[in-house]
Amino acid sequence: MRKGISIWNPFAELERIRKEFDRLFDEMTVTETEKVFAPVVDVYETDSELVIKAEIPGAKKEDIEVSIKDNAVHIKGEKKEEKEEKTETVHRVERFYGRFERMIPLPTEVDTEKAKAEYKDGVLEIRIPKTETSKERKIQIS
């Protein structure tokens, strides 16, 4: 959540809504063979940084790509199916395999050059320092 006073830009909000509708429309028009999984995320900010945690269990870190562009974090990659030759009969397959993608709009100004990402135990953690202009500053009233 943004802290302090900020100027509302209705055109930026309309652009964000348009991009979200485009993303939703793209998801609805994808064929069954091209289905894309969107990992669940937690997004929060501290006094000094923005933190994003995404659950991507079973993926290898080499198959995950993280980028920051257009004031959003883009996470994409692929979770490859473990192929094993077995003579057993398969009764159920519920785990997801295939491409995954998620775009997370940034709620505050950040320093993209100092962003760091770590993948451990199926959780991708991205830490992005906030810029000085986005940090809260108390003003003494005289």
N, C-alpha and C. Protein backbone atom coordinates (compact mmCIF):
# COMPACT_ATOMS: atom_id res chain seq x y z
N MET A 1 0.84 -1.16 0.00
CA MET A 1 0.00 0.00 0.00
C MET A 1 0.88 1.23 0.00
N ARG A 2 0.55 2.21 -0.80
CA ARG A 2 1.33 3.43 -0.88
C ARG A 2 1.12 4.26 0.37
N LYS A 3 2.20 4.87 0.81
CA LYS A 3 2.14 5.73 1.97
C LYS A 3 2.41 7.16 1.50
N GLY A 4 1.81 8.12 2.15
CA GLY A 4 2.04 9.50 1.80
C GLY A 4 1.09 9.98 0.74
N ILE A 5 1.33 11.18 0.27
CA ILE A 5 0.46 11.79 -0.73
C ILE A 5 0.98 11.45 -2.12
N SER A 6 0.08 11.04 -2.97
CA SER A 6 0.45 10.78 -4.36
C SER A 6 -0.65 11.35 -5.26
N ILE A 7 -0.27 11.72 -6.43
CA ILE A 7 -1.21 12.30 -7.38
C ILE A 7 -1.85 11.16 -8.17
N TRP A 8 -3.18 11.16 -8.21
CA TRP A 8 -3.90 10.11 -8.92
C TRP A 8 -3.92 10.45 -10.40
N ASN A 9 -3.54 9.50 -11.19
CA ASN A 9 -3.53 9.66 -12.63
C ASN A 9 -4.57 8.71 -13.22
N PRO A 10 -5.73 9.23 -13.62
CA PRO A 10 -6.79 8.34 -14.11
C PRO A 10 -6.38 7.60 -15.38
N PHE A 11 -5.52 8.20 -16.20
CA PHE A 11 -5.12 7.54 -17.44
C PHE A 11 -4.21 6.35 -17.17
N ALA A 12 -3.35 6.47 -16.16
CA ALA A 12 -2.51 5.33 -15.78
C ALA A 12 -3.37 4.20 -15.24
N GLU A 13 -4.40 4.52 -14.48
CA GLU A 13 -5.31 3.51 -13.95
C GLU A 13 -6.07 2.82 -15.09
N LEU A 14 -6.52 3.60 -16.07
CA LEU A 14 -7.21 3.02 -17.22
C LEU A 14 -6.28 2.09 -18.01
N GLU A 15 -5.02 2.49 -18.15
CA GLU A 15 -4.05 1.66 -18.85
C GLU A 15 -3.82 0.35 -18.09
N ARG A 16 -3.73 0.42 -16.76
CA ARG A 16 -3.56 -0.78 -15.95
C ARG A 16 -4.75 -1.71 -16.12
N ILE A 17 -5.96 -1.15 -16.12
CA ILE A 17 -7.18 -1.96 -16.29
C ILE A 17 -7.21 -2.59 -17.68
N ARG A 18 -6.81 -1.82 -18.71
CA ARG A 18 -6.78 -2.35 -20.07
C ARG A 18 -5.81 -3.53 -20.17
N LYS A 19 -4.63 -3.39 -19.56
CA LYS A 19 -3.65 -4.48 -19.59
C LYS A 19 -4.18 -5.72 -18.88
N GLU A 20 -4.89 -5.51 -17.76
CA GLU A 20 -5.46 -6.64 -17.02
C GLU A 20 -6.53 -7.34 -17.85
N PHE A 21 -7.39 -6.56 -18.55
CA PHE A 21 -8.39 -7.17 -19.43
C PHE A 21 -7.73 -7.92 -20.57
N ASP A 22 -6.66 -7.36 -21.15
CA ASP A 22 -5.93 -8.05 -22.21
C ASP A 22 -5.39 -9.38 -21.71
N ARG A 23 -4.82 -9.38 -20.49
CA ARG A 23 -4.27 -10.61 -19.91
C ARG A 23 -5.38 -11.63 -19.69
N LEU A 24 -6.52 -11.19 -19.13
CA LEU A 24 -7.63 -12.11 -18.90
C LEU A 24 -8.19 -12.66 -20.21
N PHE A 25 -8.31 -11.79 -21.23
CA PHE A 25 -8.80 -12.23 -22.53
C PHE A 25 -7.85 -13.26 -23.14
N ASP A 26 -6.52 -12.98 -23.02
CA ASP A 26 -5.54 -13.93 -23.54
C ASP A 26 -5.66 -15.29 -22.86
N GLU A 27 -5.89 -15.28 -21.53
CA GLU A 27 -6.04 -16.53 -20.80
C GLU A 27 -7.27 -17.30 -21.25
N MET A 28 -8.37 -16.58 -21.56
CA MET A 28 -9.60 -17.26 -21.98
C MET A 28 -9.50 -17.82 -23.39
N THR A 29 -8.68 -17.23 -24.25
CA THR A 29 -8.59 -17.68 -25.63
C THR A 29 -7.49 -18.70 -25.86
N VAL A 30 -6.74 -19.04 -24.83
CA VAL A 30 -5.67 -20.03 -24.97
C VAL A 30 -6.28 -21.41 -25.15
N THR A 31 -5.75 -22.18 -26.08
CA THR A 31 -6.26 -23.53 -26.29
C THR A 31 -5.81 -24.43 -25.15
N GLU A 32 -6.46 -25.56 -25.03
CA GLU A 32 -6.16 -26.47 -23.92
C GLU A 32 -4.71 -26.92 -23.94
N THR A 33 -4.10 -27.08 -25.12
CA THR A 33 -2.71 -27.52 -25.19
C THR A 33 -1.74 -26.41 -24.81
N GLU A 34 -2.19 -25.16 -24.80
CA GLU A 34 -1.32 -24.03 -24.47
C GLU A 34 -1.60 -23.46 -23.09
N LYS A 35 -2.34 -24.18 -22.27
CA LYS A 35 -2.75 -23.64 -20.97
C LYS A 35 -1.54 -23.19 -20.16
N VAL A 36 -1.67 -22.01 -19.54
CA VAL A 36 -0.58 -21.43 -18.77
C VAL A 36 -1.04 -21.31 -17.32
N PHE A 37 -0.20 -21.75 -16.43
CA PHE A 37 -0.45 -21.71 -15.00
C PHE A 37 0.06 -20.38 -14.44
N ALA A 38 -0.69 -19.74 -13.55
CA ALA A 38 -0.27 -18.50 -12.90
C ALA A 38 0.04 -18.80 -11.45
N PRO A 39 1.32 -18.73 -11.04
CA PRO A 39 1.65 -19.05 -9.65
C PRO A 39 1.01 -18.05 -8.67
N VAL A 40 0.69 -18.53 -7.47
CA VAL A 40 0.13 -17.64 -6.44
C VAL A 40 1.27 -16.84 -5.83
N VAL A 41 0.97 -15.60 -5.44
CA VAL A 41 2.02 -14.71 -4.92
C VAL A 41 1.55 -13.99 -3.66
N ASP A 42 2.52 -13.60 -2.85
CA ASP A 42 2.34 -12.65 -1.76
C ASP A 42 3.19 -11.44 -2.12
N VAL A 43 2.62 -10.24 -1.97
CA VAL A 43 3.36 -9.01 -2.24
C VAL A 43 3.22 -8.12 -1.02
N TYR A 44 4.35 -7.70 -0.48
CA TYR A 44 4.31 -6.77 0.65
C TYR A 44 5.54 -5.87 0.60
N GLU A 45 5.47 -4.79 1.35
CA GLU A 45 6.61 -3.89 1.37
C GLU A 45 7.00 -3.56 2.80
N THR A 46 8.30 -3.38 2.99
CA THR A 46 8.84 -2.94 4.26
C THR A 46 9.20 -1.47 4.10
N ASP A 47 9.88 -0.90 5.10
CA ASP A 47 10.30 0.49 4.98
C ASP A 47 11.28 0.70 3.83
N SER A 48 12.06 -0.33 3.52
CA SER A 48 13.12 -0.15 2.54
C SER A 48 12.98 -0.94 1.24
N GLU A 49 12.07 -1.93 1.19
CA GLU A 49 12.00 -2.73 -0.03
C GLU A 49 10.61 -3.32 -0.26
N LEU A 50 10.42 -3.76 -1.50
CA LEU A 50 9.21 -4.46 -1.92
C LEU A 50 9.59 -5.94 -2.01
N VAL A 51 8.74 -6.81 -1.46
CA VAL A 51 9.03 -8.25 -1.45
C VAL A 51 7.90 -8.99 -2.15
N ILE A 52 8.27 -9.87 -3.08
CA ILE A 52 7.30 -10.71 -3.78
C ILE A 52 7.72 -12.15 -3.57
N LYS A 53 6.78 -12.99 -3.11
CA LYS A 53 7.03 -14.41 -2.94
C LYS A 53 6.04 -15.17 -3.82
N ALA A 54 6.57 -16.02 -4.69
CA ALA A 54 5.73 -16.79 -5.61
C ALA A 54 5.97 -18.28 -5.39
N GLU A 55 4.88 -19.05 -5.29
CA GLU A 55 4.99 -20.49 -5.13
C GLU A 55 5.08 -21.15 -6.51
N ILE A 56 6.19 -21.82 -6.75
CA ILE A 56 6.39 -22.55 -8.01
C ILE A 56 7.01 -23.91 -7.65
N PRO A 57 6.26 -24.77 -6.96
CA PRO A 57 6.83 -26.04 -6.53
C PRO A 57 7.16 -26.95 -7.71
N GLY A 58 8.30 -27.61 -7.59
CA GLY A 58 8.69 -28.58 -8.61
C GLY A 58 9.44 -28.02 -9.80
N ALA A 59 9.51 -26.70 -9.91
CA ALA A 59 10.25 -26.09 -11.03
C ALA A 59 11.73 -26.01 -10.67
N LYS A 60 12.57 -26.02 -11.67
CA LYS A 60 14.01 -25.83 -11.47
C LYS A 60 14.32 -24.36 -11.67
N LYS A 61 15.27 -23.84 -10.90
CA LYS A 61 15.55 -22.40 -11.01
C LYS A 61 16.06 -22.02 -12.40
N GLU A 62 16.66 -22.96 -13.11
CA GLU A 62 17.13 -22.68 -14.47
C GLU A 62 15.97 -22.46 -15.43
N ASP A 63 14.77 -22.94 -15.06
CA ASP A 63 13.60 -22.83 -15.93
C ASP A 63 12.70 -21.65 -15.56
N ILE A 64 13.17 -20.77 -14.65
CA ILE A 64 12.39 -19.62 -14.21
C ILE A 64 13.07 -18.35 -14.69
N GLU A 65 12.28 -17.43 -15.22
CA GLU A 65 12.80 -16.14 -15.70
C GLU A 65 12.04 -15.01 -15.01
N VAL A 66 12.79 -14.05 -14.45
CA VAL A 66 12.19 -12.91 -13.77
C VAL A 66 12.70 -11.64 -14.45
N SER A 67 11.77 -10.73 -14.78
CA SER A 67 12.17 -9.45 -15.36
C SER A 67 11.26 -8.35 -14.81
N ILE A 68 11.76 -7.12 -14.86
CA ILE A 68 10.98 -5.97 -14.42
C ILE A 68 10.90 -5.03 -15.60
N LYS A 69 9.65 -4.74 -16.04
CA LYS A 69 9.44 -3.80 -17.13
C LYS A 69 8.03 -3.23 -17.02
N ASP A 70 7.85 -2.04 -17.55
CA ASP A 70 6.55 -1.37 -17.55
C ASP A 70 5.95 -1.31 -16.14
N ASN A 71 6.80 -1.03 -15.14
CA ASN A 71 6.38 -0.89 -13.75
C ASN A 71 5.69 -2.15 -13.22
N ALA A 72 6.19 -3.32 -13.64
CA ALA A 72 5.64 -4.60 -13.19
C ALA A 72 6.74 -5.66 -13.19
N VAL A 73 6.57 -6.65 -12.32
CA VAL A 73 7.48 -7.79 -12.28
C VAL A 73 6.84 -8.91 -13.10
N HIS A 74 7.61 -9.49 -14.00
CA HIS A 74 7.13 -10.58 -14.85
C HIS A 74 7.87 -11.86 -14.46
N ILE A 75 7.11 -12.88 -14.11
CA ILE A 75 7.67 -14.18 -13.76
C ILE A 75 7.14 -15.18 -14.79
N LYS A 76 8.04 -15.90 -15.43
CA LYS A 76 7.60 -16.91 -16.38
C LYS A 76 8.60 -18.04 -16.45
N GLY A 77 8.14 -19.16 -16.96
CA GLY A 77 9.01 -20.31 -17.08
C GLY A 77 8.23 -21.55 -17.43
N GLU A 78 8.82 -22.69 -17.12
CA GLU A 78 8.17 -23.96 -17.44
C GLU A 78 8.53 -25.00 -16.39
N LYS A 79 7.53 -25.74 -15.97
CA LYS A 79 7.73 -26.87 -15.06
C LYS A 79 7.61 -28.12 -15.91
N LYS A 80 8.73 -28.80 -16.07
CA LYS A 80 8.76 -29.95 -16.96
C LYS A 80 8.31 -31.22 -16.25
N GLU A 81 7.57 -32.03 -17.00
CA GLU A 81 7.04 -33.28 -16.46
C GLU A 81 8.17 -34.28 -16.28
N GLU A 82 8.11 -34.97 -15.15
CA GLU A 82 9.09 -36.01 -14.88
C GLU A 82 8.67 -37.27 -15.61
N LYS A 83 9.38 -37.63 -16.64
CA LYS A 83 9.03 -38.81 -17.43
C LYS A 83 9.75 -40.03 -16.87
N GLU A 84 8.97 -41.00 -16.48
CA GLU A 84 9.52 -42.25 -15.99
C GLU A 84 8.82 -43.39 -16.71
N GLU A 85 9.58 -44.33 -17.15
CA GLU A 85 9.02 -45.51 -17.79
C GLU A 85 8.62 -46.49 -16.70
N LYS A 86 7.31 -46.64 -16.51
CA LYS A 86 6.83 -47.57 -15.50
C LYS A 86 5.81 -48.49 -16.13
N THR A 87 5.72 -49.66 -15.57
CA THR A 87 4.71 -50.60 -16.03
C THR A 87 3.46 -50.50 -15.18
N GLU A 88 3.47 -49.59 -14.20
CA GLU A 88 2.33 -49.42 -13.32
C GLU A 88 1.22 -48.64 -14.03
N THR A 89 0.00 -48.82 -13.56
CA THR A 89 -1.14 -48.10 -14.10
C THR A 89 -1.29 -46.78 -13.36
N VAL A 90 -1.41 -45.70 -14.10
CA VAL A 90 -1.59 -44.38 -13.50
C VAL A 90 -3.07 -44.17 -13.22
N HIS A 91 -3.41 -43.80 -11.99
CA HIS A 91 -4.80 -43.60 -11.60
C HIS A 91 -5.19 -42.13 -11.53
N ARG A 92 -4.23 -41.26 -11.27
CA ARG A 92 -4.56 -39.85 -11.13
C ARG A 92 -3.32 -39.00 -11.37
N VAL A 93 -3.49 -37.89 -12.11
CA VAL A 93 -2.43 -36.90 -12.30
C VAL A 93 -3.05 -35.54 -12.00
N GLU A 94 -2.69 -34.94 -10.87
CA GLU A 94 -3.25 -33.66 -10.47
C GLU A 94 -2.22 -32.54 -10.46
N ARG A 95 -0.96 -32.88 -10.49
CA ARG A 95 0.07 -31.84 -10.46
C ARG A 95 0.14 -31.15 -11.81
N PHE A 96 0.47 -29.87 -11.78
CA PHE A 96 0.53 -29.08 -13.01
C PHE A 96 1.92 -29.17 -13.64
N TYR A 97 1.94 -29.33 -14.95
CA TYR A 97 3.18 -29.30 -15.72
C TYR A 97 2.95 -28.38 -16.90
N GLY A 98 4.00 -27.70 -17.33
CA GLY A 98 3.89 -26.83 -18.48
C GLY A 98 4.33 -25.42 -18.15
N ARG A 99 3.91 -24.50 -19.01
CA ARG A 99 4.33 -23.10 -18.87
C ARG A 99 3.58 -22.42 -17.74
N PHE A 100 4.27 -21.48 -17.10
CA PHE A 100 3.63 -20.64 -16.09
C PHE A 100 4.06 -19.20 -16.34
N GLU A 101 3.18 -18.28 -15.95
CA GLU A 101 3.47 -16.86 -16.17
C GLU A 101 2.62 -16.03 -15.22
N ARG A 102 3.21 -14.97 -14.70
CA ARG A 102 2.49 -14.06 -13.81
C ARG A 102 3.10 -12.67 -13.93
N MET A 103 2.23 -11.66 -14.00
CA MET A 103 2.67 -10.26 -14.03
C MET A 103 2.12 -9.59 -12.78
N ILE A 104 3.02 -8.96 -12.00
CA ILE A 104 2.62 -8.31 -10.76
C ILE A 104 2.92 -6.82 -10.88
N PRO A 105 1.89 -5.96 -10.90
CA PRO A 105 2.12 -4.51 -10.95
C PRO A 105 2.82 -4.05 -9.67
N LEU A 106 3.75 -3.13 -9.81
CA LEU A 106 4.48 -2.63 -8.66
C LEU A 106 3.70 -1.49 -8.01
N PRO A 107 3.43 -1.59 -6.69
CA PRO A 107 2.64 -0.57 -6.01
C PRO A 107 3.43 0.67 -5.60
N THR A 108 4.74 0.66 -5.80
CA THR A 108 5.58 1.78 -5.39
C THR A 108 6.78 1.88 -6.33
N GLU A 109 7.48 3.00 -6.28
CA GLU A 109 8.68 3.20 -7.10
C GLU A 109 9.82 2.36 -6.52
N VAL A 110 10.56 1.66 -7.38
CA VAL A 110 11.64 0.77 -6.93
C VAL A 110 12.90 1.00 -7.74
N ASP A 111 14.02 0.52 -7.18
CA ASP A 111 15.31 0.59 -7.86
C ASP A 111 15.54 -0.77 -8.52
N THR A 112 15.21 -0.88 -9.80
CA THR A 112 15.28 -2.17 -10.50
C THR A 112 16.70 -2.71 -10.63
N GLU A 113 17.69 -1.83 -10.60
CA GLU A 113 19.09 -2.25 -10.75
C GLU A 113 19.57 -3.07 -9.56
N LYS A 114 18.95 -2.90 -8.41
CA LYS A 114 19.40 -3.59 -7.19
C LYS A 114 18.47 -4.74 -6.80
N ALA A 115 17.60 -5.16 -7.70
CA ALA A 115 16.67 -6.26 -7.41
C ALA A 115 17.43 -7.58 -7.29
N LYS A 116 16.96 -8.43 -6.37
CA LYS A 116 17.57 -9.75 -6.16
C LYS A 116 16.47 -10.80 -6.10
N ALA A 117 16.77 -12.00 -6.59
CA ALA A 117 15.81 -13.09 -6.54
C ALA A 117 16.50 -14.34 -6.03
N GLU A 118 15.74 -15.13 -5.23
CA GLU A 118 16.25 -16.38 -4.70
C GLU A 118 15.14 -17.43 -4.79
N TYR A 119 15.51 -18.65 -5.19
CA TYR A 119 14.54 -19.73 -5.31
C TYR A 119 14.95 -20.84 -4.36
N LYS A 120 14.07 -21.15 -3.40
CA LYS A 120 14.39 -22.17 -2.40
C LYS A 120 13.11 -22.87 -1.97
N ASP A 121 13.14 -24.18 -1.93
CA ASP A 121 12.02 -25.00 -1.46
C ASP A 121 10.72 -24.69 -2.19
N GLY A 122 10.78 -24.43 -3.49
CA GLY A 122 9.59 -24.18 -4.28
C GLY A 122 9.03 -22.78 -4.19
N VAL A 123 9.74 -21.88 -3.49
CA VAL A 123 9.27 -20.50 -3.36
C VAL A 123 10.31 -19.56 -3.96
N LEU A 124 9.85 -18.73 -4.90
CA LEU A 124 10.69 -17.70 -5.50
C LEU A 124 10.49 -16.42 -4.70
N GLU A 125 11.58 -15.87 -4.16
CA GLU A 125 11.50 -14.63 -3.39
C GLU A 125 12.26 -13.54 -4.12
N ILE A 126 11.55 -12.45 -4.43
CA ILE A 126 12.14 -11.31 -5.14
C ILE A 126 12.13 -10.13 -4.19
N ARG A 127 13.28 -9.51 -4.01
CA ARG A 127 13.41 -8.32 -3.14
C ARG A 127 13.91 -7.17 -3.99
N ILE A 128 13.15 -6.07 -3.98
CA ILE A 128 13.48 -4.90 -4.79
C ILE A 128 13.51 -3.68 -3.87
N PRO A 129 14.67 -3.03 -3.73
CA PRO A 129 14.73 -1.84 -2.88
C PRO A 129 13.84 -0.72 -3.42
N LYS A 130 13.19 -0.01 -2.50
CA LYS A 130 12.38 1.13 -2.89
C LYS A 130 13.31 2.32 -3.13
N THR A 131 12.91 3.22 -4.00
CA THR A 131 13.70 4.42 -4.24
C THR A 131 13.47 5.40 -3.10
N GLU A 132 14.39 6.34 -2.96
CA GLU A 132 14.29 7.34 -1.90
C GLU A 132 12.99 8.13 -1.99
N THR A 133 12.52 8.39 -3.20
CA THR A 133 11.30 9.19 -3.35
C THR A 133 10.07 8.44 -2.88
N SER A 134 10.14 7.11 -2.83
CA SER A 134 8.96 6.34 -2.43
C SER A 134 8.92 6.05 -0.93
N LYS A 135 10.00 6.33 -0.21
CA LYS A 135 10.02 6.08 1.22
C LYS A 135 9.23 7.16 1.95
N GLU A 136 8.60 6.75 3.02
CA GLU A 136 7.81 7.70 3.81
C GLU A 136 8.74 8.61 4.60
N ARG A 137 8.38 9.87 4.65
CA ARG A 137 9.15 10.84 5.41
C ARG A 137 8.18 11.67 6.24
N LYS A 138 8.44 11.75 7.54
CA LYS A 138 7.58 12.55 8.41
C LYS A 138 8.06 13.99 8.33
N ILE A 139 7.08 14.88 8.29
CA ILE A 139 7.38 16.31 8.20
C ILE A 139 6.97 16.97 9.51
N GLN A 140 7.91 17.69 10.09
CA GLN A 140 7.66 18.41 11.34
C GLN A 140 6.72 19.58 11.06
N ILE A 141 5.68 19.69 11.85
CA ILE A 141 4.73 20.79 11.71
C ILE A 141 5.17 21.91 12.63
N SER A 142 5.33 23.11 12.07
CA SER A 142 5.76 24.25 12.91
C SER A 142 4.63 25.18 13.23
